[in-house]
PDB file of N, CA and C in Angstrom:
ATOM      1  N   MET A   1       7.812  20.518 -11.715  1.00  0.00           N
ATOM      2  CA  MET A   1       7.486  19.514 -10.715  1.00  0.00           C
ATOM      3  C   MET A   1       8.427  18.323 -10.897  1.00  0.00           C
ATOM      4  N   GLY A   2       8.931  17.787  -9.795  1.00  0.00           N
ATOM      5  CA  GLY A   2       9.856  16.659  -9.842  1.00  0.00           C
ATOM      6  C   GLY A   2       9.167  15.354 -10.185  1.00  0.00           C
ATOM      7  N   LYS A   3       9.978  14.376 -10.462  1.00  0.00           N
ATOM      8  CA  LYS A   3       9.440  13.047 -10.765  1.00  0.00           C
ATOM      9  C   LYS A   3       8.844  12.444  -9.514  1.00  0.00           C
ATOM     10  N   LYS A   4       7.736  11.741  -9.668  1.00  0.00           N
ATOM     11  CA  LYS A   4       7.142  11.022  -8.547  1.00  0.00           C
ATOM     12  C   LYS A   4       7.926   9.756  -8.307  1.00  0.00           C
ATOM     13  N   ARG A   5       8.208   9.496  -7.049  1.00  0.00           N
ATOM     14  CA  ARG A   5       8.923   8.275  -6.694  1.00  0.00           C
ATOM     15  C   ARG A   5       7.900   7.256  -6.238  1.00  0.00           C
ATOM     16  N   LEU A   6       7.802   6.161  -6.947  1.00  0.00           N
ATOM     17  CA  LEU A   6       6.841   5.113  -6.628  1.00  0.00           C
ATOM     18  C   LEU A   6       7.573   3.875  -6.170  1.00  0.00           C
ATOM     19  N   ILE A   7       6.985   3.223  -5.191  1.00  0.00           N
ATOM     20  CA  ILE A   7       7.475   1.915  -4.784  1.00  0.00           C
ATOM     21  C   ILE A   7       6.467   0.926  -5.320  1.00  0.00           C
ATOM     22  N   VAL A   8       6.923   0.009  -6.130  1.00  0.00           N
ATOM     23  CA  VAL A   8       6.039  -0.986  -6.718  1.00  0.00           C
ATOM     24  C   VAL A   8       6.453  -2.350  -6.203  1.00  0.00           C
ATOM     25  N   VAL A   9       5.501  -3.048  -5.602  1.00  0.00           N
ATOM     26  CA  VAL A   9       5.742  -4.392  -5.110  1.00  0.00           C
ATOM     27  C   VAL A   9       4.887  -5.324  -5.940  1.00  0.00           C
ATOM     28  N   ILE A  10       5.515  -6.267  -6.600  1.00  0.00           N
ATOM     29  CA  ILE A  10       4.785  -7.217  -7.426  1.00  0.00           C
ATOM     30  C   ILE A  10       4.820  -8.579  -6.747  1.00  0.00           C
ATOM     31  N   VAL A  11       3.652  -9.154  -6.526  1.00  0.00           N
ATOM     32  CA  VAL A  11       3.558 -10.469  -5.916  1.00  0.00           C
ATOM     33  C   VAL A  11       2.809 -11.372  -6.881  1.00  0.00           C
ATOM     34  N   LEU A  12       3.426 -12.482  -7.229  1.00  0.00           N
ATOM     35  CA  LEU A  12       2.771 -13.465  -8.080  1.00  0.00           C
ATOM     36  C   LEU A  12       2.610 -14.729  -7.268  1.00  0.00           C
ATOM     37  N   GLY A  13       1.412 -15.226  -7.132  1.00  0.00           N
ATOM     38  CA  GLY A  13       1.149 -16.417  -6.358  1.00  0.00           C
ATOM     39  C   GLY A  13      -0.015 -17.173  -6.945  1.00  0.00           C
ATOM     40  N   LEU A  14      -0.428 -18.234  -6.268  1.00  0.00           N
ATOM     41  CA  LEU A  14      -1.536 -19.045  -6.768  1.00  0.00           C
ATOM     42  C   LEU A  14      -2.819 -18.247  -6.858  1.00  0.00           C
ATOM     43  N   GLU A  15      -3.146 -17.501  -5.807  1.00  0.00           N
ATOM     44  CA  GLU A  15      -4.384 -16.740  -5.809  1.00  0.00           C
ATOM     45  C   GLU A  15      -4.134 -15.242  -5.860  1.00  0.00           C
ATOM     46  N   MET A  16      -2.905 -14.839  -5.935  1.00  0.00           N
ATOM     47  CA  MET A  16      -2.603 -13.428  -5.826  1.00  0.00           C
ATOM     48  C   MET A  16      -1.815 -12.959  -7.048  1.00  0.00           C
ATOM     49  N   ASN A  17      -2.319 -11.950  -7.690  1.00  0.00           N
ATOM     50  CA  ASN A  17      -1.640 -11.386  -8.836  1.00  0.00           C
ATOM     51  C   ASN A  17      -2.045  -9.919  -8.894  1.00  0.00           C
ATOM     52  N   ARG A  18      -1.366  -9.100  -8.127  1.00  0.00           N
ATOM     53  CA  ARG A  18      -1.724  -7.683  -8.084  1.00  0.00           C
ATOM     54  C   ARG A  18      -0.487  -6.845  -7.821  1.00  0.00           C
ATOM     55  N   ILE A  19      -0.637  -5.570  -7.972  1.00  0.00           N
ATOM     56  CA  ILE A  19       0.439  -4.629  -7.723  1.00  0.00           C
ATOM     57  C   ILE A  19      -0.045  -3.646  -6.657  1.00  0.00           C
ATOM     58  N   VAL A  20       0.751  -3.468  -5.614  1.00  0.00           N
ATOM     59  CA  VAL A  20       0.475  -2.465  -4.592  1.00  0.00           C
ATOM     60  C   VAL A  20       1.392  -1.290  -4.876  1.00  0.00           C
ATOM     61  N   ILE A  21       0.809  -0.137  -5.044  1.00  0.00           N
ATOM     62  CA  ILE A  21       1.589   1.057  -5.336  1.00  0.00           C
ATOM     63  C   ILE A  21       1.434   2.042  -4.191  1.00  0.00           C
ATOM     64  N   ILE A  22       2.558   2.477  -3.651  1.00  0.00           N
ATOM     65  CA  ILE A  22       2.567   3.496  -2.610  1.00  0.00           C
ATOM     66  C   ILE A  22       3.333   4.688  -3.156  1.00  0.00           C
ATOM     67  N   ASP A  23       2.647   5.802  -3.273  1.00  0.00           N
ATOM     68  CA  ASP A  23       3.261   7.023  -3.774  1.00  0.00           C
ATOM     69  C   ASP A  23       3.891   7.756  -2.592  1.00  0.00           C
ATOM     70  N   GLU A  24       5.202   7.687  -2.468  1.00  0.00           N
ATOM     71  CA  GLU A  24       5.893   8.293  -1.332  1.00  0.00           C
ATOM     72  C   GLU A  24       5.827   9.819  -1.348  1.00  0.00           C
ATOM     73  N   GLU A  25       5.648  10.404  -2.503  1.00  0.00           N
ATOM     74  CA  GLU A  25       5.518  11.860  -2.575  1.00  0.00           C
ATOM     75  C   GLU A  25       4.194  12.315  -1.951  1.00  0.00           C
ATOM     76  N   THR A  26       3.172  11.492  -2.092  1.00  0.00           N
ATOM     77  CA  THR A  26       1.835  11.837  -1.606  1.00  0.00           C
ATOM     78  C   THR A  26       1.611  11.389  -0.167  1.00  0.00           C
ATOM     79  N   CYS A  27       2.258  10.304   0.246  1.00  0.00           N
ATOM     80  CA  CYS A  27       2.086   9.770   1.596  1.00  0.00           C
ATOM     81  C   CYS A  27       2.567  10.780   2.631  1.00  0.00           C
ATOM     82  N   THR A  28       1.694  11.062   3.609  1.00  0.00           N
ATOM     83  CA  THR A  28       2.047  12.014   4.667  1.00  0.00           C
ATOM     84  C   THR A  28       2.492  11.319   5.943  1.00  0.00           C
ATOM     85  N   GLY A  29       2.400   9.990   5.970  1.00  0.00           N
ATOM     86  CA  GLY A  29       2.793   9.253   7.166  1.00  0.00           C
ATOM     87  C   GLY A  29       1.789   9.371   8.296  1.00  0.00           C
ATOM     88  N   CYS A  30       0.520   9.573   7.962  1.00  0.00           N
ATOM     89  CA  CYS A  30      -0.508   9.755   8.994  1.00  0.00           C
ATOM     90  C   CYS A  30      -0.798   8.459   9.757  1.00  0.00           C
ATOM     91  N   GLY A  31      -0.562   7.301   9.123  1.00  0.00           N
ATOM     92  CA  GLY A  31      -0.763   6.017   9.788  1.00  0.00           C
ATOM     93  C   GLY A  31      -2.169   5.457   9.713  1.00  0.00           C
ATOM     94  N   ALA A  32      -3.078   6.116   8.999  1.00  0.00           N
ATOM     95  CA  ALA A  32      -4.457   5.622   8.894  1.00  0.00           C
ATOM     96  C   ALA A  32      -4.486   4.232   8.260  1.00  0.00           C
ATOM     97  N   CYS A  33      -3.657   4.013   7.261  1.00  0.00           N
ATOM     98  CA  CYS A  33      -3.607   2.715   6.588  1.00  0.00           C
ATOM     99  C   CYS A  33      -3.084   1.627   7.527  1.00  0.00           C
ATOM    100  N   VAL A  34      -2.102   1.974   8.322  1.00  0.00           N
ATOM    101  CA  VAL A  34      -1.524   1.026   9.285  1.00  0.00           C
ATOM    102  C   VAL A  34      -2.579   0.613  10.306  1.00  0.00           C
ATOM    103  N   ASP A  35      -3.340   1.596  10.779  1.00  0.00           N
ATOM    104  CA  ASP A  35      -4.370   1.323  11.788  1.00  0.00           C
ATOM    105  C   ASP A  35      -5.496   0.450  11.258  1.00  0.00           C
ATOM    106  N   ILE A  36      -5.870   0.612  10.000  1.00  0.00           N
ATOM    107  CA  ILE A  36      -7.034  -0.115   9.473  1.00  0.00           C
ATOM    108  C   ILE A  36      -6.687  -1.503   8.932  1.00  0.00           C
ATOM    109  N   CYS A  37      -5.427  -1.770   8.660  1.00  0.00           N
ATOM    110  CA  CYS A  37      -5.036  -3.053   8.072  1.00  0.00           C
ATOM    111  C   CYS A  37      -5.283  -4.196   9.063  1.00  0.00           C
ATOM    112  N   PRO A  38      -6.203  -5.132   8.739  1.00  0.00           N
ATOM    113  CA  PRO A  38      -6.537  -6.195   9.687  1.00  0.00           C
ATOM    114  C   PRO A  38      -5.411  -7.220   9.874  1.00  0.00           C
ATOM    115  N   HIS A  39      -4.515  -7.294   8.914  1.00  0.00           N
ATOM    116  CA  HIS A  39      -3.448  -8.298   8.988  1.00  0.00           C
ATOM    117  C   HIS A  39      -2.097  -7.688   9.358  1.00  0.00           C
ATOM    118  N   LYS A  40      -2.106  -6.380   9.623  1.00  0.00           N
ATOM    119  CA  LYS A  40      -0.911  -5.654  10.081  1.00  0.00           C
ATOM    120  C   LYS A  40       0.286  -5.847   9.150  1.00  0.00           C
ATOM    121  N   ILE A  41       0.054  -5.713   7.845  1.00  0.00           N
ATOM    122  CA  ILE A  41       1.149  -5.852   6.888  1.00  0.00           C
ATOM    123  C   ILE A  41       1.712  -4.499   6.464  1.00  0.00           C
ATOM    124  N   LEU A  42       1.114  -3.413   6.940  1.00  0.00           N
ATOM    125  CA  LEU A  42       1.615  -2.079   6.646  1.00  0.00           C
ATOM    126  C   LEU A  42       2.288  -1.498   7.873  1.00  0.00           C
ATOM    127  N   TYR A  43       3.306  -0.716   7.661  1.00  0.00           N
ATOM    128  CA  TYR A  43       4.004  -0.048   8.773  1.00  0.00           C
ATOM    129  C   TYR A  43       4.578   1.266   8.263  1.00  0.00           C
ATOM    130  N   LEU A  44       4.969   2.128   9.180  1.00  0.00           N
ATOM    131  CA  LEU A  44       5.578   3.393   8.810  1.00  0.00           C
ATOM    132  C   LEU A  44       7.076   3.310   9.017  1.00  0.00           C
ATOM    133  N   ASP A  45       7.817   3.809   8.044  1.00  0.00           N
ATOM    134  CA  ASP A  45       9.271   3.882   8.121  1.00  0.00           C
ATOM    135  C   ASP A  45       9.667   5.236   7.540  1.00  0.00           C
ATOM    136  N   ASP A  46      10.382   6.017   8.314  1.00  0.00           N
ATOM    137  CA  ASP A  46      10.734   7.384   7.893  1.00  0.00           C
ATOM    138  C   ASP A  46       9.487   8.167   7.495  1.00  0.00           C
ATOM    139  N   GLU A  47       8.412   7.963   8.265  1.00  0.00           N
ATOM    140  CA  GLU A  47       7.138   8.647   8.060  1.00  0.00           C
ATOM    141  C   GLU A  47       6.507   8.389   6.695  1.00  0.00           C
ATOM    142  N   LYS A  48       6.755   7.188   6.160  1.00  0.00           N
ATOM    143  CA  LYS A  48       6.137   6.756   4.906  1.00  0.00           C
ATOM    144  C   LYS A  48       5.621   5.330   5.076  1.00  0.00           C
ATOM    145  N   CYS A  49       4.521   5.013   4.400  1.00  0.00           N
ATOM    146  CA  CYS A  49       3.936   3.679   4.469  1.00  0.00           C
ATOM    147  C   CYS A  49       4.794   2.679   3.708  1.00  0.00           C
ATOM    148  N   LYS A  50       4.975   1.505   4.310  1.00  0.00           N
ATOM    149  CA  LYS A  50       5.720   0.403   3.700  1.00  0.00           C
ATOM    150  C   LYS A  50       4.898  -0.868   3.848  1.00  0.00           C
ATOM    151  N   VAL A  51       5.203  -1.882   3.022  1.00  0.00           N
ATOM    152  CA  VAL A  51       4.498  -3.158   3.044  1.00  0.00           C
ATOM    153  C   VAL A  51       5.454  -4.239   3.522  1.00  0.00           C
ATOM    154  N   THR A  52       4.981  -5.105   4.453  1.00  0.00           N
ATOM    155  CA  THR A  52       5.808  -6.229   4.898  1.00  0.00           C
ATOM    156  C   THR A  52       5.479  -7.453   4.066  1.00  0.00           C
ATOM    157  N   ASP A  53       4.578  -8.284   4.529  1.00  0.00           N
ATOM    158  CA  ASP A  53       4.236  -9.542   3.864  1.00  0.00           C
ATOM    159  C   ASP A  53       2.938  -9.393   3.094  1.00  0.00           C
ATOM    160  N   GLU A  54       3.047  -9.026   1.840  1.00  0.00           N
ATOM    161  CA  GLU A  54       1.865  -8.775   1.021  1.00  0.00           C
ATOM    162  C   GLU A  54       1.026 -10.022   0.779  1.00  0.00           C
ATOM    163  N   THR A  55       1.586 -11.199   0.969  1.00  0.00           N
ATOM    164  CA  THR A  55       0.813 -12.425   0.752  1.00  0.00           C
ATOM    165  C   THR A  55      -0.323 -12.568   1.764  1.00  0.00           C
ATOM    166  N   ARG A  56      -0.266 -11.814   2.858  1.00  0.00           N
ATOM    167  CA  ARG A  56      -1.336 -11.869   3.859  1.00  0.00           C
ATOM    168  C   ARG A  56      -2.444 -10.846   3.610  1.00  0.00           C
ATOM    169  N   CYS A  57      -2.317 -10.063   2.554  1.00  0.00           N
ATOM    170  CA  CYS A  57      -3.316  -9.045   2.226  1.00  0.00           C
ATOM    171  C   CYS A  57      -4.627  -9.710   1.802  1.00  0.00           C
ATOM    172  N   ASP A  58      -5.754  -9.222   2.335  1.00  0.00           N
ATOM    173  CA  ASP A  58      -7.058  -9.802   1.989  1.00  0.00           C
ATOM    174  C   ASP A  58      -7.757  -9.053   0.850  1.00  0.00           C
ATOM    175  N   ARG A  59      -7.088  -8.082   0.272  1.00  0.00           N
ATOM    176  CA  ARG A  59      -7.596  -7.305  -0.859  1.00  0.00           C
ATOM    177  C   ARG A  59      -8.867  -6.514  -0.553  1.00  0.00           C
ATOM    178  N   SER A  60      -9.106  -6.224   0.688  1.00  0.00           N
ATOM    179  CA  SER A  60     -10.303  -5.454   1.026  1.00  0.00           C
ATOM    180  C   SER A  60     -10.157  -3.987   0.632  1.00  0.00           C
ATOM    181  N   LYS A  61      -8.943  -3.562   0.385  1.00  0.00           N
ATOM    182  CA  LYS A  61      -8.624  -2.198  -0.032  1.00  0.00           C
ATOM    183  C   LYS A  61      -8.980  -1.148   1.001  1.00  0.00           C
ATOM    184  N   GLY A  62      -9.097  -1.575   2.267  1.00  0.00           N
ATOM    185  CA  GLY A  62      -9.382  -0.612   3.331  1.00  0.00           C
ATOM    186  C   GLY A  62      -8.322   0.474   3.394  1.00  0.00           C
ATOM    187  N   CYS A  63      -7.078   0.084   3.207  1.00  0.00           N
ATOM    188  CA  CYS A  63      -5.975   1.050   3.251  1.00  0.00           C
ATOM    189  C   CYS A  63      -6.124   2.080   2.131  1.00  0.00           C
ATOM    190  N   GLU A  64      -6.511   1.607   0.976  1.00  0.00           N
ATOM    191  CA  GLU A  64      -6.696   2.486  -0.176  1.00  0.00           C
ATOM    192  C   GLU A  64      -7.814   3.494   0.088  1.00  0.00           C
ATOM    193  N   HIS A  65      -8.908   3.019   0.680  1.00  0.00           N
ATOM    194  CA  HIS A  65     -10.064   3.882   0.915  1.00  0.00           C
ATOM    195  C   HIS A  65      -9.854   4.879   2.045  1.00  0.00           C
ATOM    196  N   VAL A  66      -9.070   4.509   3.056  1.00  0.00           N
ATOM    197  CA  VAL A  66      -8.889   5.370   4.223  1.00  0.00           C
ATOM    198  C   VAL A  66      -7.778   6.402   4.022  1.00  0.00           C
ATOM    199  N   CYS A  67      -6.932   6.216   3.047  1.00  0.00           N
ATOM    200  CA  CYS A  67      -5.806   7.130   2.825  1.00  0.00           C
ATOM    201  C   CYS A  67      -6.324   8.508   2.409  1.00  0.00           C
ATOM    202  N   PRO A  68      -6.043   9.532   3.215  1.00  0.00           N
ATOM    203  CA  PRO A  68      -6.592  10.858   2.914  1.00  0.00           C
ATOM    204  C   PRO A  68      -5.970  11.522   1.685  1.00  0.00           C
ATOM    205  N   THR A  69      -4.810  11.042   1.256  1.00  0.00           N
ATOM    206  CA  THR A  69      -4.150  11.662   0.105  1.00  0.00           C
ATOM    207  C   THR A  69      -4.175  10.777  -1.138  1.00  0.00           C
ATOM    208  N   GLY A  70      -4.729   9.561  -1.028  1.00  0.00           N
ATOM    209  CA  GLY A  70      -4.774   8.646  -2.167  1.00  0.00           C
ATOM    210  C   GLY A  70      -3.417   8.076  -2.533  1.00  0.00           C
ATOM    211  N   ALA A  71      -2.543   7.943  -1.545  1.00  0.00           N
ATOM    212  CA  ALA A  71      -1.175   7.478  -1.801  1.00  0.00           C
ATOM    213  C   ALA A  71      -1.079   5.972  -2.034  1.00  0.00           C
ATOM    214  N   ILE A  72      -2.120   5.215  -1.661  1.00  0.00           N
ATOM    215  CA  ILE A  72      -2.080   3.759  -1.806  1.00  0.00           C
ATOM    216  C   ILE A  72      -3.085   3.323  -2.858  1.00  0.00           C
ATOM    217  N   THR A  73      -2.610   2.463  -3.769  1.00  0.00           N
ATOM    218  CA  THR A  73      -3.476   1.893  -4.792  1.00  0.00           C
ATOM    219  C   THR A  73      -3.204   0.403  -4.855  1.00  0.00           C
ATOM    220  N   ILE A  74      -4.253  -0.395  -4.827  1.00  0.00           N
ATOM    221  CA  ILE A  74      -4.125  -1.824  -5.050  1.00  0.00           C
ATOM    222  C   ILE A  74      -4.801  -2.124  -6.374  1.00  0.00           C
ATOM    223  N   GLN A  75      -4.009  -2.595  -7.316  1.00  0.00           N
ATOM    224  CA  GLN A  75      -4.535  -2.886  -8.646  1.00  0.00           C
ATOM    225  C   GLN A  75      -4.559  -4.385  -8.864  1.00  0.00           C
ATOM    226  N   ASN A  76      -5.718  -4.914  -9.190  1.00  0.00           N
ATOM    227  CA  ASN A  76      -5.801  -6.319  -9.586  1.00  0.00           C
ATOM    228  C   ASN A  76      -5.365  -6.407 -11.032  1.00  0.00           C
ATOM    229  N   THR A  77      -4.534  -7.385 -11.321  1.00  0.00           N
ATOM    230  CA  THR A  77      -4.019  -7.507 -12.681  1.00  0.00           C
ATOM    231  C   THR A  77      -4.668  -8.646 -13.445  1.00  0.00           C
ATOM    232  N   ASN A  78      -5.679  -9.291 -12.846  1.00  0.00           N
ATOM    233  CA  ASN A  78      -6.359 -10.396 -13.527  1.00  0.00           C
ATOM    234  C   ASN A  78      -7.343  -9.854 -14.514  1.00  0.00           C
TER     235      ASN A  78
END
């Protein structure tokens, strides 16, 4: 089995200290995460989920819960 390619976005801010992990090997590009995101910070590019402005994320983890393959993980680092 090949290496998993992960995109890791680290945001450090006053109230935000978390890591959003999108597993591109697992992401099928179904768009469920894009549809459920209330702040529209997720989008599809080359049929894979990407993050735009993570500072607008409300940490509800809706994207994580709706992903049928578990490709999105939001980890709080506090």
